[in-house]
């Protein structure tokens, strides 16, 4: 999906940056996209889920998405973010700081949590594939959605979120700031 994500970042930089930042700002972006697309349930507040939702938009929905982009830009400006690059940079710094903390402290908790999320996600998928009580089906689907979103974060934390992250790592490894 790299082409769709690249398109999202160029066409909707504020929605993309808010989704990349995650948390409440990711939810803001997902809600704006869901409302623009006229869906009852907004996409998960991740760049991939929002990109997938936008990729299937009709021309009329694209117009509504452009308005949603302006609304997100206004809300982010009210929160003190002047541009999308600043927000994306903060998201990158947040991940880098978490990784540096883990290395410096030799903290094993992120690995335990990542293992728990991974086991929970695939365990829940396994249980769903085996069939569950119809009364528990909706709860299991909610668990899969929540754990799937968390698992995407785990993969992004440990393996980077994009080819751009790999490129930044390469540049930093060279130590001279140039590729």
C-alpha atoms as a PDB file:
ATOM      1  CA  UNK A   1       0.000   0.000   0.000  1.00  0.00           C
ATOM      2  CA  UNK A   2       2.965   2.430  -0.258  1.00  0.00           C
ATOM      3  CA  UNK A   3       1.408   4.290  -3.228  1.00  0.00           C
ATOM      4  CA  UNK A   4      -1.814   4.944  -1.322  1.00  0.00           C
ATOM      5  CA  UNK A   5       0.083   6.106   1.764  1.00  0.00           C
ATOM      6  CA  UNK A   6       2.241   8.396  -0.381  1.00  0.00           C
ATOM      7  CA  UNK A   7      -0.902   9.820  -1.956  1.00  0.00           C
ATOM      8  CA  UNK A   8      -2.455  10.314   1.480  1.00  0.00           C
ATOM      9  CA  UNK A   9       0.586  12.232   2.699  1.00  0.00           C
ATOM     10  CA  UNK A  10       0.542  14.546  -0.329  1.00  0.00           C
ATOM     11  CA  UNK A  11      -3.204  15.047  -0.731  1.00  0.00           C
ATOM     12  CA  UNK A  12      -4.132  15.089   2.965  1.00  0.00           C
ATOM     13  CA  UNK A  13      -0.996  16.031   4.924  1.00  0.00           C
ATOM     14  CA  UNK A  14      -2.812  17.024   8.121  1.00  0.00           C
ATOM     15  CA  UNK A  15      -4.986  13.909   8.229  1.00  0.00           C
ATOM     16  CA  UNK A  16      -1.893  11.814   7.510  1.00  0.00           C
ATOM     17  CA  UNK A  17       0.228  13.524  10.181  1.00  0.00           C
ATOM     18  CA  UNK A  18      -2.524  13.202  12.794  1.00  0.00           C
ATOM     19  CA  UNK A  19      -2.930   9.512  11.946  1.00  0.00           C
ATOM     20  CA  UNK A  20       0.829   8.990  12.169  1.00  0.00           C
ATOM     21  CA  UNK A  21       0.920  10.698  15.572  1.00  0.00           C
ATOM     22  CA  UNK A  22      -1.780   8.334  16.801  1.00  0.00           C
ATOM     23  CA  UNK A  23      -3.685   8.559  20.057  1.00  0.00           C
ATOM     24  CA  UNK A  24      -6.378  11.239  20.210  1.00  0.00           C
ATOM     25  CA  UNK A  25      -5.015  12.932  17.079  1.00  0.00           C
ATOM     26  CA  UNK A  26      -5.239   9.643  15.174  1.00  0.00           C
ATOM     27  CA  UNK A  27      -8.823   9.310  16.350  1.00  0.00           C
ATOM     28  CA  UNK A  28      -9.482  12.887  15.168  1.00  0.00           C
ATOM     29  CA  UNK A  29      -8.164  11.977  11.709  1.00  0.00           C
ATOM     30  CA  UNK A  30     -10.116   8.710  11.560  1.00  0.00           C
ATOM     31  CA  UNK A  31     -13.330  10.440  12.637  1.00  0.00           C
ATOM     32  CA  UNK A  32     -12.884  13.162  10.025  1.00  0.00           C
ATOM     33  CA  UNK A  33     -12.346  10.561   7.302  1.00  0.00           C
ATOM     34  CA  UNK A  34     -15.279   8.457   8.492  1.00  0.00           C
ATOM     35  CA  UNK A  35     -17.579  11.465   8.535  1.00  0.00           C
ATOM     36  CA  UNK A  36     -16.434  12.600   5.080  1.00  0.00           C
ATOM     37  CA  UNK A  37     -17.031   9.121   3.691  1.00  0.00           C
ATOM     38  CA  UNK A  38     -20.423   8.899   5.393  1.00  0.00           C
ATOM     39  CA  UNK A  39     -19.703   5.663   7.242  1.00  0.00           C
ATOM     40  CA  UNK A  40     -21.178   4.737  10.606  1.00  0.00           C
ATOM     41  CA  UNK A  41     -17.905   3.400  11.969  1.00  0.00           C
ATOM     42  CA  UNK A  42     -14.770   5.406  11.215  1.00  0.00           C
ATOM     43  CA  UNK A  43     -11.628   3.529  10.187  1.00  0.00           C
ATOM     44  CA  UNK A  44      -9.096   2.523  12.819  1.00  0.00           C
ATOM     45  CA  UNK A  45      -6.910   5.518  13.735  1.00  0.00           C
ATOM     46  CA  UNK A  46      -3.872   4.220  11.839  1.00  0.00           C
ATOM     47  CA  UNK A  47      -2.266   5.464   8.643  1.00  0.00           C
ATOM     48  CA  UNK A  48      -2.929   2.120   6.923  1.00  0.00           C
ATOM     49  CA  UNK A  49      -6.620   1.957   7.858  1.00  0.00           C
ATOM     50  CA  UNK A  50      -7.233   5.589   6.919  1.00  0.00           C
ATOM     51  CA  UNK A  51      -5.338   5.105   3.638  1.00  0.00           C
ATOM     52  CA  UNK A  52      -7.457   2.079   2.802  1.00  0.00           C
ATOM     53  CA  UNK A  53     -10.662   4.004   3.500  1.00  0.00           C
ATOM     54  CA  UNK A  54      -9.565   6.923   1.321  1.00  0.00           C
ATOM     55  CA  UNK A  55      -8.452   4.625  -1.508  1.00  0.00           C
ATOM     56  CA  UNK A  56     -12.054   3.515  -2.049  1.00  0.00           C
ATOM     57  CA  UNK A  57     -13.546   7.033  -1.988  1.00  0.00           C
ATOM     58  CA  UNK A  58     -15.788   8.259  -4.787  1.00  0.00           C
ATOM     59  CA  UNK A  59     -15.159  11.661  -6.436  1.00  0.00           C
ATOM     60  CA  UNK A  60     -17.876  13.245  -4.271  1.00  0.00           C
ATOM     61  CA  UNK A  61     -16.317  11.741  -1.175  1.00  0.00           C
ATOM     62  CA  UNK A  62     -12.915  13.114  -2.238  1.00  0.00           C
ATOM     63  CA  UNK A  63     -14.417  16.610  -2.185  1.00  0.00           C
ATOM     64  CA  UNK A  64     -15.758  15.922   1.318  1.00  0.00           C
ATOM     65  CA  UNK A  65     -12.308  14.609   2.312  1.00  0.00           C
ATOM     66  CA  UNK A  66     -10.701  17.855   1.151  1.00  0.00           C
ATOM     67  CA  UNK A  67     -13.080  19.733   3.468  1.00  0.00           C
ATOM     68  CA  UNK A  68     -12.239  17.266   6.257  1.00  0.00           C
ATOM     69  CA  UNK A  69      -8.544  18.012   5.651  1.00  0.00           C
ATOM     70  CA  UNK A  70      -9.224  21.731   6.159  1.00  0.00           C
ATOM     71  CA  UNK A  71     -11.212  20.997   9.325  1.00  0.00           C
ATOM     72  CA  UNK A  72      -8.392  18.834  10.744  1.00  0.00           C
ATOM     73  CA  UNK A  73      -5.877  21.555   9.829  1.00  0.00           C
ATOM     74  CA  UNK A  74      -7.965  24.119  11.740  1.00  0.00           C
ATOM     75  CA  UNK A  75      -8.316  21.873  14.792  1.00  0.00           C
ATOM     76  CA  UNK A  76      -4.589  21.128  14.827  1.00  0.00           C
ATOM     77  CA  UNK A  77      -3.800  24.854  14.542  1.00  0.00           C
ATOM     78  CA  UNK A  78      -6.043  25.455  17.565  1.00  0.00           C
ATOM     79  CA  UNK A  79      -3.946  22.865  19.422  1.00  0.00           C
ATOM     80  CA  UNK A  80      -0.766  24.739  18.510  1.00  0.00           C
ATOM     81  CA  UNK A  81       0.487  22.756  15.512  1.00  0.00           C
ATOM     82  CA  UNK A  82       1.428  25.115  12.706  1.00  0.00           C
ATOM     83  CA  UNK A  83       2.114  22.574   9.979  1.00  0.00           C
ATOM     84  CA  UNK A  84       1.820  18.888   9.192  1.00  0.00           C
ATOM     85  CA  UNK A  85       5.597  18.405   9.056  1.00  0.00           C
ATOM     86  CA  UNK A  86       5.913  19.525  12.686  1.00  0.00           C
ATOM     87  CA  UNK A  87       3.362  16.955  13.783  1.00  0.00           C
ATOM     88  CA  UNK A  88       4.945  14.164  11.717  1.00  0.00           C
ATOM     89  CA  UNK A  89       8.355  15.075  13.150  1.00  0.00           C
ATOM     90  CA  UNK A  90       6.982  14.864  16.693  1.00  0.00           C
ATOM     91  CA  UNK A  91       5.578  11.397  15.959  1.00  0.00           C
ATOM     92  CA  UNK A  92       8.968  10.256  14.647  1.00  0.00           C
ATOM     93  CA  UNK A  93      10.727  11.741  17.685  1.00  0.00           C
ATOM     94  CA  UNK A  94       8.292  10.023  20.019  1.00  0.00           C
ATOM     95  CA  UNK A  95       9.077   6.614  18.525  1.00  0.00           C
ATOM     96  CA  UNK A  96      12.830   7.317  18.499  1.00  0.00           C
ATOM     97  CA  UNK A  97      12.720   8.413  22.145  1.00  0.00           C
ATOM     98  CA  UNK A  98      10.846   5.263  23.150  1.00  0.00           C
ATOM     99  CA  UNK A  99      13.386   3.086  21.355  1.00  0.00           C
ATOM    100  CA  UNK A 100      16.316   4.988  22.920  1.00  0.00           C
ATOM    101  CA  UNK A 101      14.765   4.637  26.373  1.00  0.00           C
ATOM    102  CA  UNK A 102      14.332   0.916  25.915  1.00  0.00           C
ATOM    103  CA  UNK A 103      17.969   0.530  24.837  1.00  0.00           C
ATOM    104  CA  UNK A 104      19.360   2.761  27.603  1.00  0.00           C
ATOM    105  CA  UNK A 105      17.398   1.101  30.396  1.00  0.00           C
ATOM    106  CA  UNK A 106      17.494  -2.394  28.926  1.00  0.00           C
ATOM    107  CA  UNK A 107      13.792  -2.384  29.644  1.00  0.00           C
ATOM    108  CA  UNK A 108      12.150  -5.702  28.806  1.00  0.00           C
ATOM    109  CA  UNK A 109       8.585  -4.521  29.395  1.00  0.00           C
ATOM    110  CA  UNK A 110       8.002  -3.359  25.777  1.00  0.00           C
ATOM    111  CA  UNK A 111       9.017  -6.832  24.571  1.00  0.00           C
ATOM    112  CA  UNK A 112       6.660  -8.495  27.061  1.00  0.00           C
ATOM    113  CA  UNK A 113       3.811  -6.205  26.052  1.00  0.00           C
ATOM    114  CA  UNK A 114       4.551  -6.764  22.354  1.00  0.00           C
ATOM    115  CA  UNK A 115       4.534 -10.520  22.936  1.00  0.00           C
ATOM    116  CA  UNK A 116       1.245 -10.295  24.801  1.00  0.00           C
ATOM    117  CA  UNK A 117      -0.388  -8.215  22.071  1.00  0.00           C
ATOM    118  CA  UNK A 118       0.895 -10.593  19.380  1.00  0.00           C
ATOM    119  CA  UNK A 119      -0.287 -13.702  21.224  1.00  0.00           C
ATOM    120  CA  UNK A 120      -3.626 -12.064  22.016  1.00  0.00           C
ATOM    121  CA  UNK A 121      -4.176 -10.966  18.419  1.00  0.00           C
ATOM    122  CA  UNK A 122      -3.357 -14.285  16.791  1.00  0.00           C
ATOM    123  CA  UNK A 123      -5.017 -16.240  19.608  1.00  0.00           C
ATOM    124  CA  UNK A 124      -8.242 -14.302  19.108  1.00  0.00           C
ATOM    125  CA  UNK A 125      -8.038 -14.874  15.348  1.00  0.00           C
ATOM    126  CA  UNK A 126      -7.562 -18.588  15.992  1.00  0.00           C
ATOM    127  CA  UNK A 127     -10.577 -18.703  18.304  1.00  0.00           C
ATOM    128  CA  UNK A 128     -12.695 -16.883  15.738  1.00  0.00           C
ATOM    129  CA  UNK A 129     -11.650 -19.351  13.054  1.00  0.00           C
ATOM    130  CA  UNK A 130     -12.742 -22.234  15.273  1.00  0.00           C
ATOM    131  CA  UNK A 131     -16.177 -20.709  15.786  1.00  0.00           C
ATOM    132  CA  UNK A 132     -17.443 -18.935  18.864  1.00  0.00           C
ATOM    133  CA  UNK A 133     -20.708 -18.627  20.690  1.00  0.00           C
ATOM    134  CA  UNK A 134     -22.914 -16.241  18.664  1.00  0.00           C
ATOM    135  CA  UNK A 135     -23.409 -14.097  21.779  1.00  0.00           C
ATOM    136  CA  UNK A 136     -19.635 -13.581  22.060  1.00  0.00           C
ATOM    137  CA  UNK A 137     -19.042 -13.005  18.336  1.00  0.00           C
ATOM    138  CA  UNK A 138     -19.321  -9.195  18.442  1.00  0.00           C
ATOM    139  CA  UNK A 139     -17.044  -8.995  21.476  1.00  0.00           C
ATOM    140  CA  UNK A 140     -14.469 -11.159  19.696  1.00  0.00           C
ATOM    141  CA  UNK A 141     -14.595  -8.926  16.598  1.00  0.00           C
ATOM    142  CA  UNK A 142     -14.053  -5.874  18.789  1.00  0.00           C
ATOM    143  CA  UNK A 143     -11.076  -7.606  20.399  1.00  0.00           C
ATOM    144  CA  UNK A 144      -9.611  -8.435  16.995  1.00  0.00           C
ATOM    145  CA  UNK A 145      -9.952  -4.805  15.918  1.00  0.00           C
ATOM    146  CA  UNK A 146      -8.346  -3.438  19.076  1.00  0.00           C
ATOM    147  CA  UNK A 147      -5.574  -6.021  19.128  1.00  0.00           C
ATOM    148  CA  UNK A 148      -4.981  -5.605  15.387  1.00  0.00           C
ATOM    149  CA  UNK A 149      -4.499  -1.871  15.827  1.00  0.00           C
ATOM    150  CA  UNK A 150      -2.144  -2.488  18.753  1.00  0.00           C
ATOM    151  CA  UNK A 151      -0.254  -5.105  16.748  1.00  0.00           C
ATOM    152  CA  UNK A 152       0.307  -2.615  13.913  1.00  0.00           C
ATOM    153  CA  UNK A 153       1.875  -0.294  16.488  1.00  0.00           C
ATOM    154  CA  UNK A 154       4.098  -3.112  17.759  1.00  0.00           C
ATOM    155  CA  UNK A 155       5.318  -3.886  14.244  1.00  0.00           C
ATOM    156  CA  UNK A 156       5.894  -0.186  13.571  1.00  0.00           C
ATOM    157  CA  UNK A 157       7.853   0.180  16.816  1.00  0.00           C
ATOM    158  CA  UNK A 158      10.135  -2.785  16.229  1.00  0.00           C
ATOM    159  CA  UNK A 159      10.506  -2.726  12.454  1.00  0.00           C
ATOM    160  CA  UNK A 160       9.787   0.890  11.460  1.00  0.00           C
ATOM    161  CA  UNK A 161       6.678   2.244   9.877  1.00  0.00           C
ATOM    162  CA  UNK A 162       7.855   2.828   6.341  1.00  0.00           C
ATOM    163  CA  UNK A 163      10.617   2.754   3.795  1.00  0.00           C
ATOM    164  CA  UNK A 164      11.243   6.354   4.838  1.00  0.00           C
ATOM    165  CA  UNK A 165      12.080   5.163   8.343  1.00  0.00           C
ATOM    166  CA  UNK A 166      14.559   2.701   6.906  1.00  0.00           C
ATOM    167  CA  UNK A 167      16.108   5.510   4.854  1.00  0.00           C
ATOM    168  CA  UNK A 168      16.408   7.751   7.926  1.00  0.00           C
ATOM    169  CA  UNK A 169      18.077   4.907   9.813  1.00  0.00           C
ATOM    170  CA  UNK A 170      20.533   4.435   6.940  1.00  0.00           C
ATOM    171  CA  UNK A 171      21.377   8.148   6.912  1.00  0.00           C
ATOM    172  CA  UNK A 172      21.883   8.195  10.682  1.00  0.00           C
ATOM    173  CA  UNK A 173      24.040   5.063  10.499  1.00  0.00           C
ATOM    174  CA  UNK A 174      26.309   6.771   7.965  1.00  0.00           C
ATOM    175  CA  UNK A 175      26.819   9.461  10.582  1.00  0.00           C
ATOM    176  CA  UNK A 176      27.289  12.302   8.146  1.00  0.00           C
ATOM    177  CA  UNK A 177      23.693  13.247   7.424  1.00  0.00           C
ATOM    178  CA  UNK A 178      24.052  12.364   3.749  1.00  0.00           C
ATOM    179  CA  UNK A 179      23.084   9.147   1.989  1.00  0.00           C
END
